[in-house]
Amino acid sequence: MSAHKFCLALYTTSFAFLFFAWNPSSVTGNEGEANVAPATISIPTFDISDETERHSVVAQGTTEIYQGHPCTVLLPDGKTMFCTWSINHAGYLGPLSRSDDGGKTWSGLLDVPANWTQVRQTTPTIHYLVDPEGVGRIFVFGGRDFEGRLRQAYSEDGGVTWTPMKDTGLTAECAPKTIMSFDEGKRLVMWCDRRGPFALNRPDADPYIWQAESLDGGLTWSPERPVVRTQSRWGQPAVIKSPDEKQLLMVLRNETFHSLFSVSDDGGKNWSKVRPLPAALTGHRPKMLYAPDGRLVMVMRDTAKSSKTHGHFIAWVGTYEDVVTNREGEYRIKLFHSNAASDCGYSGFDLLPDGTFVATTYVKYRPGPEKHSVMTTRFKLEEIDQKVPME
């Protein structure tokens, strides 16, 4: 059987087996875990939010239009980027823009199929996925309503033309921020969160993270499989491999306390119980990348109650070991100042070949009547290393 037919068979398989055969005890949770992570922040913070030469506008907010919840992708040429976002706060999908210079300048709105705007109440994501034959496609994902169906569209010609949005057969709160390749490109895995019960006969089920797989480069997906219980209705999982690629790290949003993390030592088949992270690593909608020197960088909306940059768009810098051993890390960076309390931070995050990070967020950029804009900022760690921290 071909990979495409295998995935299609999984897609069309009745969910009855999952409804009645799922054993909740197989999903890792937080039972009995002590909140031992540091509750205060002792590492320094560097502020580059007023260095406007780092900034570029993807989509300007106006008094009528709220530009929200972006995600970006960098193509293999190391300079072409695409950004997708929603209109209004977790509103409808549709806008798409392109940069040919690594995020310094952006096009106007690109043409997309009309049914993209029918995907409403969404926080879209965009990914470049390669199938087992080496064919690369750009995918845009959008959930429809909370809790609703996950939809996807793709381009096979570098973003010139796009397919209409199509139901994936999956149910998700937010579109997947992480899709990872395994088995030398033969298998893709995505992670999403869902607050409702996985089994229809379990109305008391906890919110959880699920994962699904594709064997045809993202064209079709297996049914979702619950893997991690969360402590809050939002999880928004970000996943990265350890430097030696022997472990997976999942970082999770948490509404009531510090952010959470879980690890897998078997390629995502099983996950540890979630544990809290230090306040220094606490935020919403995290995304992670490694710097050229091996340090780990995470961007997010800062939600640590003890933080001097609470509510703003920040980056955390440290190591993989810092995260999994509950250390605070090296330092934090204030990337953008939010003029609308904590309404920012759904992020795109990319690393250019010269070591420049391009971080993208929606943010109320200035005081006044204009609503949120989609903005990017650029930085290299060696630049930040030389700066004086905030008082």
Protein backbone atom coordinates (compact mmCIF):
# COMPACT_ATOMS: atom_id res chain seq x y z
CA MET A 1 0.00 0.00 0.00
CA SER A 2 1.34 3.47 -0.85
CA ALA A 3 2.04 6.00 1.89
CA HIS A 4 -0.74 8.20 0.55
CA LYS A 5 -3.31 5.39 0.65
CA PHE A 6 -2.13 4.34 4.10
CA CYS A 7 -2.71 7.83 5.49
CA LEU A 8 -6.02 8.11 3.69
CA ALA A 9 -7.13 4.83 5.24
CA LEU A 10 -6.22 6.12 8.66
CA TYR A 11 -8.05 9.36 7.93
CA THR A 12 -11.24 7.58 6.91
CA THR A 13 -11.17 4.99 9.68
CA SER A 14 -14.08 5.34 12.06
CA PHE A 15 -13.26 7.15 15.27
CA ALA A 16 -15.35 4.63 17.22
CA PHE A 17 -12.28 2.63 18.12
CA LEU A 18 -10.65 5.70 19.60
CA PHE A 19 -13.80 6.72 21.45
CA PHE A 20 -14.20 3.40 23.21
CA ALA A 21 -10.68 1.95 23.32
CA TRP A 22 -8.80 4.98 24.63
CA ASN A 23 -7.42 4.31 28.06
CA PRO A 24 -7.14 7.66 29.91
CA SER A 25 -4.39 6.27 32.14
CA SER A 26 -2.12 6.07 29.08
CA VAL A 27 -2.11 9.87 28.74
CA THR A 28 0.52 11.51 30.90
CA GLY A 29 -0.65 14.12 33.39
CA ASN A 30 0.45 16.18 36.34
CA GLU A 31 -0.80 14.07 39.22
CA GLY A 32 1.42 14.34 42.26
CA GLU A 33 3.89 16.77 40.70
CA ALA A 34 5.21 19.41 43.09
CA ASN A 35 5.53 22.99 41.90
CA VAL A 36 9.27 23.26 42.53
CA ALA A 37 10.19 25.68 39.73
CA PRO A 38 11.59 29.09 40.75
CA ALA A 39 8.76 31.61 41.13
CA THR A 40 10.92 34.71 40.80
CA ILE A 41 13.25 35.80 38.00
CA SER A 42 16.90 36.41 38.79
CA ILE A 43 18.44 36.36 35.30
CA PRO A 44 18.92 39.70 33.48
CA THR A 45 16.61 41.14 30.84
CA PHE A 46 17.80 43.16 27.86
CA ASP A 47 15.43 45.66 26.22
CA ILE A 48 15.62 46.14 22.44
CA SER A 49 11.95 47.04 22.02
CA ASP A 50 12.69 50.71 21.27
CA GLU A 51 15.33 49.94 18.62
CA THR A 52 12.97 50.61 15.75
CA GLU A 53 15.62 49.98 13.09
CA ARG A 54 15.12 46.29 13.88
CA HIS A 55 11.39 46.45 13.07
CA SER A 56 9.41 45.90 9.91
CA VAL A 57 5.67 45.99 9.27
CA VAL A 58 3.98 42.94 7.81
CA ALA A 59 0.44 44.30 8.14
CA GLN A 60 -0.46 47.72 9.55
CA GLY A 61 -3.35 47.91 11.96
CA THR A 62 -5.88 50.70 11.47
CA THR A 63 -8.71 52.15 13.48
CA GLU A 64 -10.99 49.57 11.83
CA ILE A 65 -8.73 46.55 11.19
CA TYR A 66 -7.14 44.41 13.88
CA GLN A 67 -4.27 42.29 12.50
CA GLY A 68 -3.84 39.25 14.74
CA HIS A 69 -2.10 35.99 15.53
CA PRO A 70 0.59 35.56 12.86
CA CYS A 71 2.85 32.67 11.96
CA THR A 72 5.78 32.63 9.52
CA VAL A 73 7.83 30.13 7.56
CA LEU A 74 11.30 30.43 6.02
CA LEU A 75 11.79 28.51 2.79
CA PRO A 76 14.92 26.43 2.05
CA ASP A 77 16.53 29.25 0.05
CA GLY A 78 17.14 31.03 3.36
CA LYS A 79 15.51 34.32 2.33
CA THR A 80 11.93 33.76 1.14
CA MET A 81 9.40 33.97 3.95
CA PHE A 82 5.63 33.79 4.12
CA CYS A 83 3.41 35.13 6.90
CA THR A 84 -0.22 34.24 7.55
CA TRP A 85 -2.45 35.77 10.22
CA SER A 86 -6.05 36.37 11.22
CA ILE A 87 -8.27 39.43 11.03
CA ASN A 88 -9.48 40.36 14.51
CA HIS A 89 -8.54 38.57 17.71
CA ALA A 90 -8.54 34.86 16.78
CA GLY A 91 -10.74 35.94 13.91
CA TYR A 92 -11.00 34.73 10.34
CA LEU A 93 -8.20 33.43 8.15
CA GLY A 94 -7.26 34.87 4.79
CA PRO A 95 -4.34 37.29 4.82
CA LEU A 96 -1.03 36.05 3.41
CA SER A 97 2.14 38.02 2.66
CA ARG A 98 5.58 37.24 1.24
CA SER A 99 9.09 38.55 1.91
CA ASP A 100 11.96 38.01 -0.52
CA ASP A 101 14.66 39.44 1.78
CA GLY A 102 14.41 37.48 5.02
CA GLY A 103 11.63 39.55 6.56
CA LYS A 104 13.01 43.06 6.00
CA THR A 105 10.21 44.03 3.62
CA TRP A 106 6.85 42.45 2.89
CA SER A 107 4.48 42.30 -0.05
CA GLY A 108 0.88 43.35 -0.04
CA LEU A 109 -1.84 40.77 0.42
CA LEU A 110 -1.49 37.73 -1.84
CA ASP A 111 -4.38 36.09 -3.66
CA VAL A 112 -5.78 33.05 -1.86
CA PRO A 113 -8.93 30.96 -2.45
CA ALA A 114 -12.15 32.53 -1.24
CA ASN A 115 -12.97 29.75 1.21
CA TRP A 116 -9.98 30.63 3.40
CA THR A 117 -12.07 33.40 5.00
CA GLN A 118 -14.65 30.78 5.99
CA VAL A 119 -12.12 29.44 8.52
CA ARG A 120 -13.14 31.54 11.50
CA GLN A 121 -12.11 31.86 15.12
CA THR A 122 -8.62 30.69 14.24
CA THR A 123 -4.95 31.25 14.96
CA PRO A 124 -3.34 30.03 11.73
CA THR A 125 0.08 28.45 11.25
CA ILE A 126 2.27 27.91 8.20
CA HIS A 127 4.84 25.16 7.53
CA TYR A 128 7.14 23.91 4.78
CA LEU A 129 6.72 20.13 4.61
CA VAL A 130 8.62 17.62 2.49
CA ASP A 131 7.17 14.26 1.45
CA PRO A 132 9.13 10.98 1.29
CA GLU A 133 9.89 11.58 -2.40
CA GLY A 134 11.50 14.93 -1.61
CA VAL A 135 8.66 17.14 -2.86
CA GLY A 136 8.27 20.27 -0.74
CA ARG A 137 4.97 22.08 -0.19
CA ILE A 138 3.96 25.11 1.87
CA PHE A 139 0.98 24.36 4.12
CA VAL A 140 -1.34 26.79 5.91
CA PHE A 141 -3.42 25.35 8.77
CA GLY A 142 -6.42 26.89 10.46
CA GLY A 143 -8.80 25.60 13.08
CA ARG A 144 -12.42 26.54 12.63
CA ASP A 145 -14.21 27.68 15.78
CA PHE A 146 -13.31 26.54 19.30
CA GLU A 147 -13.47 23.58 19.49
CA GLY A 148 -13.67 22.83 15.78
CA ARG A 149 -12.21 21.09 12.77
CA LEU A 150 -8.64 21.64 11.64
CA ARG A 151 -8.34 22.65 8.00
CA GLN A 152 -5.37 22.94 5.66
CA ALA A 153 -4.38 24.29 2.27
CA TYR A 154 -1.08 24.06 0.42
CA SER A 155 1.02 25.39 -2.44
CA GLU A 156 3.20 23.26 -4.71
CA ASP A 157 4.69 26.18 -6.66
CA GLY A 158 6.47 28.18 -3.99
CA GLY A 159 3.43 30.12 -2.86
CA VAL A 160 2.23 31.37 -6.27
CA THR A 161 -1.04 29.44 -6.17
CA TRP A 162 -2.87 27.77 -3.30
CA THR A 163 -5.50 25.08 -2.86
CA PRO A 164 -8.79 25.79 -1.08
CA MET A 165 -9.00 24.95 2.59
CA LYS A 166 -9.89 21.30 3.23
CA ASP A 167 -10.95 19.43 6.35
CA THR A 168 -8.13 17.28 7.76
CA GLY A 169 -10.38 15.02 9.79
CA LEU A 170 -8.78 16.34 12.99
CA THR A 171 -10.21 18.44 15.82
CA ALA A 172 -8.05 21.10 17.44
CA GLU A 173 -8.16 24.27 19.50
CA CYS A 174 -5.32 25.94 17.61
CA ALA A 175 -3.45 25.09 14.43
CA PRO A 176 -0.20 23.11 14.94
CA LYS A 177 2.84 25.25 15.79
CA THR A 178 5.22 22.30 15.47
CA ILE A 179 5.35 19.66 12.74
CA MET A 180 8.48 17.51 12.90
CA SER A 181 10.10 15.04 10.52
CA PHE A 182 11.21 11.56 11.61
CA ASP A 183 12.62 8.40 10.02
CA GLU A 184 14.72 10.25 7.43
CA GLY A 185 11.74 12.22 6.20
CA LYS A 186 9.34 9.31 5.86
CA ARG A 187 7.07 10.37 8.72
CA LEU A 188 5.74 13.74 9.91
CA VAL A 189 4.26 14.32 13.37
CA MET A 190 2.11 17.27 14.44
CA TRP A 191 0.96 18.28 17.92
CA CYS A 192 -2.18 20.25 18.84
CA ASP A 193 -4.31 20.88 21.91
CA ARG A 194 -7.94 20.13 22.59
CA ARG A 195 -9.96 21.06 25.62
CA GLY A 196 -12.99 18.80 25.10
CA PRO A 197 -13.31 15.12 25.92
CA PHE A 198 -11.59 12.76 23.51
CA ALA A 199 -14.22 10.11 24.14
CA LEU A 200 -17.83 11.17 23.69
CA ASN A 201 -18.79 9.25 26.81
CA ARG A 202 -16.22 11.11 28.96
CA PRO A 203 -17.52 14.64 29.56
CA ASP A 204 -15.16 14.93 32.54
CA ALA A 205 -12.02 14.36 30.46
CA ASP A 206 -9.12 16.74 31.02
CA PRO A 207 -7.73 19.04 28.34
CA TYR A 208 -4.86 17.33 26.56
CA ILE A 209 -2.29 17.45 23.78
CA TRP A 210 -2.74 15.10 20.86
CA GLN A 211 -0.44 14.10 18.04
CA ALA A 212 -1.15 12.86 14.52
CA GLU A 213 1.11 11.47 11.80
CA SER A 214 1.43 11.74 8.04
CA LEU A 215 3.29 9.41 5.69
CA ASP A 216 2.69 11.49 2.55
CA GLY A 217 4.22 14.84 3.43
CA GLY A 218 1.13 16.29 5.12
CA LEU A 219 -1.50 15.60 2.48
CA THR A 220 -3.38 13.26 4.83
CA TRP A 221 -3.16 12.62 8.56
CA SER A 222 -3.86 9.74 10.91
CA PRO A 223 -6.54 10.22 13.60
CA GLU A 224 -5.34 12.20 16.60
CA ARG A 225 -3.95 10.31 19.57
CA PRO A 226 -3.97 11.92 23.05
CA VAL A 227 -0.50 11.97 24.61
CA VAL A 228 -0.23 14.62 27.37
CA ARG A 229 -2.77 15.95 29.86
CA THR A 230 -2.53 19.67 30.54
CA GLN A 231 -3.44 21.81 33.51
CA SER A 232 -5.40 24.42 31.58
CA ARG A 233 -7.71 24.75 28.61
CA TRP A 234 -4.85 26.03 26.44
CA GLY A 235 -1.70 24.05 25.78
CA GLN A 236 -0.32 25.37 22.47
CA PRO A 237 2.55 22.87 22.40
CA ALA A 238 5.98 23.78 21.04
CA VAL A 239 8.25 20.78 20.45
CA ILE A 240 11.98 20.58 19.75
CA LYS A 241 14.58 17.82 19.63
CA SER A 242 17.44 17.70 22.13
CA PRO A 243 20.88 18.60 20.72
CA ASP A 244 21.74 14.90 20.38
CA GLU A 245 18.26 14.22 18.93
CA LYS A 246 17.62 11.45 21.47
CA GLN A 247 14.84 13.27 23.32
CA LEU A 248 11.85 15.47 22.50
CA LEU A 249 10.93 18.48 24.63
CA MET A 250 7.39 19.87 24.68
CA VAL A 251 6.76 23.29 26.25
CA LEU A 252 3.16 24.18 27.10
CA ARG A 253 1.17 27.27 27.90
CA ASN A 254 -0.56 27.28 31.28
CA GLU A 255 -3.31 29.68 32.30
CA THR A 256 -3.03 29.45 36.06
CA PHE A 257 0.64 29.04 37.00
CA HIS A 258 4.01 28.63 35.32
CA SER A 259 4.41 27.15 31.86
CA LEU A 260 4.80 23.38 31.73
CA PHE A 261 7.04 20.89 29.99
CA SER A 262 7.11 17.20 29.12
CA VAL A 263 9.77 15.02 27.49
CA SER A 264 9.73 11.89 25.34
CA ASP A 265 12.62 9.44 25.04
CA ASP A 266 11.04 7.27 22.34
CA GLY A 267 10.26 9.65 19.50
CA GLY A 268 6.89 10.77 20.84
CA LYS A 269 5.33 7.39 21.59
CA ASN A 270 5.24 8.14 25.31
CA TRP A 271 5.61 11.38 27.25
CA SER A 272 6.53 12.20 30.83
CA LYS A 273 4.13 13.81 33.26
CA VAL A 274 4.10 17.58 32.86
CA ARG A 275 6.19 19.64 35.26
CA PRO A 276 6.27 23.41 35.84
CA LEU A 277 9.01 25.59 34.38
CA PRO A 278 10.64 28.52 36.18
CA ALA A 279 8.99 31.93 35.98
CA ALA A 280 11.76 33.00 33.61
CA LEU A 281 10.43 30.54 30.99
CA THR A 282 6.75 31.24 31.51
CA GLY A 283 4.70 32.58 28.63
CA HIS A 284 1.99 31.96 26.08
CA ARG A 285 2.37 30.52 22.58
CA PRO A 286 6.09 29.62 22.82
CA LYS A 287 8.28 28.81 19.82
CA MET A 288 11.84 27.47 20.03
CA LEU A 289 14.96 27.43 17.85
CA TYR A 290 18.65 26.75 18.36
CA ALA A 291 21.15 29.54 17.76
CA PRO A 292 24.26 28.77 15.68
CA ASP A 293 26.30 28.44 18.89
CA GLY A 294 23.90 25.81 20.28
CA ARG A 295 21.98 27.98 22.72
CA LEU A 296 18.22 27.55 22.83
CA VAL A 297 16.02 30.59 22.18
CA MET A 298 12.29 30.72 22.97
CA VAL A 299 9.92 33.56 22.02
CA MET A 300 6.58 34.08 23.77
CA ARG A 301 4.15 36.46 25.41
CA ASP A 302 5.54 37.00 28.90
CA THR A 303 2.98 35.90 31.50
CA ALA A 304 5.21 35.44 34.55
CA LYS A 305 3.53 37.32 37.36
CA SER A 306 6.86 38.35 38.87
CA SER A 307 8.28 39.65 35.57
CA LYS A 308 9.12 43.28 34.87
CA THR A 309 8.16 42.62 31.23
CA HIS A 310 4.84 40.95 32.01
CA GLY A 311 2.47 41.15 29.04
CA HIS A 312 5.12 42.05 26.46
CA PHE A 313 6.71 40.01 23.64
CA ILE A 314 9.99 38.53 24.81
CA ALA A 315 12.68 35.96 24.09
CA TRP A 316 14.33 33.64 26.59
CA VAL A 317 17.93 32.48 26.03
CA GLY A 318 19.56 29.48 27.67
CA THR A 319 20.26 25.83 26.92
CA TYR A 320 18.22 22.71 26.43
CA GLU A 321 19.58 21.41 29.73
CA ASP A 322 18.33 24.56 31.47
CA VAL A 323 14.78 23.71 30.47
CA VAL A 324 14.74 20.04 31.42
CA THR A 325 16.55 20.63 34.75
CA ASN A 326 14.45 23.64 35.86
CA ARG A 327 17.22 26.21 35.62
CA GLU A 328 16.36 29.81 34.78
CA GLY A 329 18.72 30.09 31.82
CA GLU A 330 21.06 32.91 30.76
CA TYR A 331 18.91 35.98 30.03
CA ARG A 332 15.70 37.32 28.54
CA ILE A 333 15.07 39.93 25.83
CA LYS A 334 12.18 42.37 25.60
CA LEU A 335 11.43 42.33 21.86
CA PHE A 336 8.26 44.43 21.58
CA HIS A 337 6.38 46.66 23.99
CA SER A 338 2.66 45.95 24.04
CA ASN A 339 0.38 48.96 24.32
CA ALA A 340 -2.62 46.68 24.91
CA ALA A 341 -1.74 44.89 28.14
CA SER A 342 -0.93 41.24 27.38
CA ASP A 343 -2.62 41.05 23.99
CA CYS A 344 0.38 40.02 21.88
CA GLY A 345 2.80 37.18 21.40
CA TYR A 346 1.42 34.61 18.98
CA SER A 347 4.66 34.32 17.11
CA GLY A 348 6.51 33.42 14.01
CA PHE A 349 10.15 32.57 14.63
CA ASP A 350 12.82 31.89 12.02
CA LEU A 351 16.62 31.71 11.82
CA LEU A 352 18.39 33.10 8.76
CA PRO A 353 21.64 31.58 7.44
CA ASP A 354 23.73 34.43 8.90
CA GLY A 355 22.48 33.75 12.44
CA THR A 356 19.80 36.45 12.50
CA PHE A 357 16.60 35.57 14.32
CA VAL A 358 13.40 36.99 12.83
CA ALA A 359 10.62 37.10 15.42
CA THR A 360 7.08 38.05 14.38
CA THR A 361 4.12 38.96 16.53
CA TYR A 362 0.86 40.84 16.53
CA VAL A 363 1.07 43.84 18.83
CA LYS A 364 -0.50 47.21 19.47
CA TYR A 365 2.65 48.95 18.36
CA ARG A 366 1.87 52.49 19.52
CA PRO A 367 -0.65 54.17 21.83
CA GLY A 368 -3.64 55.65 20.07
CA PRO A 369 -6.70 54.53 18.13
CA GLU A 370 -4.91 52.20 15.71
CA LYS A 371 -5.50 48.52 16.41
CA HIS A 372 -2.91 45.73 16.40
CA SER A 373 -0.32 45.34 13.64
CA VAL A 374 1.73 42.33 12.59
CA MET A 375 5.40 43.25 13.15
CA THR A 376 8.82 41.61 12.93
CA THR A 377 12.03 42.30 14.80
CA ARG A 378 15.54 41.00 14.11
CA PHE A 379 18.44 40.15 16.41
CA LYS A 380 21.60 38.09 16.78
CA LEU A 381 22.65 36.68 20.14
CA GLU A 382 26.17 38.12 19.84
CA GLU A 383 24.55 41.58 19.64
CA ILE A 384 22.50 41.00 22.77
CA ASP A 385 25.48 39.54 24.65
CA GLN A 386 27.13 42.99 24.56
CA LYS A 387 24.19 44.99 25.89
CA VAL A 388 23.51 46.35 29.36
CA PRO A 389 20.52 44.71 31.04
CA MET A 390 17.40 46.55 32.19
CA GLU A 391 17.45 47.96 35.71
